[in-house]
Amino acid sequence: MRKESEKKNRLTSVRMTEDQYSLIEKQAKEKCMSISAYMIEAAVHSGNTSPRQLVCMQNLVNQAYEIIKSEDPKLAEQMKEEAAEIWSM
């Protein structure tokens, strides 16, 4: 069950052109998101890194770490430490 602060209890409507709707719909589909979720994410995280982007970046760093670890363990550990510093900001 969601926390009270996470419950979506507000409903609104937005006027837009067909072209704007088509663009939003296309971009939402590309991200496997509903139009509603896409619009909220775009509005809330505009100009910031979204949680979804952070997960993708962390996955990429994890993959790179595994590749580098077998070739240069010292470099891999350095990279891991630098990534940990970024997460602590």
Protein backbone atom coordinates (compact mmCIF):
# COMPACT_ATOMS: atom_id res chain seq x y z
CA MET A 1 0.00 0.00 0.00
CA ARG A 2 1.28 3.46 -0.88
CA LYS A 3 2.06 6.08 1.72
CA GLU A 4 -0.50 8.87 1.97
CA SER A 5 2.01 11.30 0.43
CA GLU A 6 2.45 9.00 -2.60
CA LYS A 7 -1.24 8.59 -3.40
CA LYS A 8 -2.26 10.24 -6.62
CA ASN A 9 -5.48 12.01 -5.76
CA ARG A 10 -5.37 15.01 -8.10
CA LEU A 11 -6.80 15.01 -11.60
CA THR A 12 -6.24 17.72 -14.19
CA SER A 13 -6.64 18.17 -17.89
CA VAL A 14 -4.33 19.85 -20.35
CA ARG A 15 -5.13 21.49 -23.66
CA MET A 16 -2.64 20.91 -26.44
CA THR A 17 -2.43 20.64 -30.19
CA GLU A 18 -2.59 17.34 -32.04
CA ASP A 19 1.11 17.72 -32.89
CA GLN A 20 2.03 18.27 -29.25
CA TYR A 21 -0.02 15.26 -28.18
CA SER A 22 1.55 13.10 -30.88
CA LEU A 23 5.04 14.11 -29.77
CA ILE A 24 4.30 13.45 -26.09
CA GLU A 25 2.66 10.12 -26.93
CA LYS A 26 5.65 9.09 -29.07
CA GLN A 27 8.19 10.04 -26.40
CA ALA A 28 6.22 8.27 -23.67
CA LYS A 29 6.02 5.09 -25.77
CA GLU A 30 9.78 5.23 -26.42
CA LYS A 31 10.34 5.22 -22.66
CA CYS A 32 7.67 2.55 -22.07
CA MET A 33 5.68 4.98 -19.96
CA SER A 34 2.09 6.12 -19.86
CA ILE A 35 1.43 9.64 -21.09
CA SER A 36 0.53 10.67 -17.55
CA ALA A 37 3.74 9.25 -16.04
CA TYR A 38 5.83 10.78 -18.83
CA MET A 39 4.32 14.25 -18.35
CA ILE A 40 4.83 14.10 -14.57
CA GLU A 41 8.43 12.96 -14.95
CA ALA A 42 9.13 15.65 -17.55
CA ALA A 43 7.63 18.38 -15.35
CA VAL A 44 9.08 17.27 -12.03
CA HIS A 45 12.55 16.40 -13.30
CA SER A 46 12.90 19.02 -16.02
CA GLY A 47 16.53 20.09 -16.07
CA ASN A 48 17.42 17.50 -13.43
CA THR A 49 18.44 13.90 -13.61
CA SER A 50 15.41 11.66 -13.20
CA PRO A 51 15.43 8.52 -11.05
CA ARG A 52 15.11 6.48 -14.24
CA GLN A 53 18.25 8.11 -15.67
CA LEU A 54 20.14 7.48 -12.43
CA VAL A 55 19.32 3.77 -12.59
CA CYS A 56 20.52 3.61 -16.20
CA MET A 57 23.75 5.39 -15.33
CA GLN A 58 24.40 3.09 -12.37
CA ASN A 59 23.79 0.02 -14.53
CA LEU A 60 26.25 1.34 -17.09
CA VAL A 61 28.89 1.99 -14.43
CA ASN A 62 28.36 -1.52 -13.01
CA GLN A 63 28.84 -3.07 -16.45
CA ALA A 64 31.98 -1.03 -17.11
CA TYR A 65 33.35 -1.98 -13.69
CA GLU A 66 32.91 -5.69 -14.42
CA ILE A 67 34.67 -5.36 -17.78
CA ILE A 68 37.58 -3.33 -16.42
CA LYS A 69 37.98 -5.48 -13.27
CA SER A 70 39.33 -8.42 -15.25
CA GLU A 71 41.87 -6.28 -17.15
CA ASP A 72 42.95 -3.73 -14.54
CA PRO A 73 41.71 -4.37 -10.97
CA LYS A 74 43.34 -1.19 -9.61
CA LEU A 75 41.61 0.98 -12.18
CA ALA A 76 38.33 -0.81 -11.48
CA GLU A 77 38.60 -0.08 -7.75
CA GLN A 78 39.47 3.56 -8.46
CA MET A 79 36.43 3.81 -10.70
CA LYS A 80 34.24 2.20 -8.04
CA GLU A 81 35.46 4.68 -5.42
CA GLU A 82 34.82 7.65 -7.73
CA ALA A 83 31.31 6.39 -8.45
CA ALA A 84 30.68 6.06 -4.71
CA GLU A 85 31.78 9.68 -4.24
CA ILE A 86 29.32 10.82 -6.88
CA TRP A 87 26.46 8.98 -5.14
CA SER A 88 27.34 10.63 -1.82
CA MET A 89 26.99 14.18 -3.23
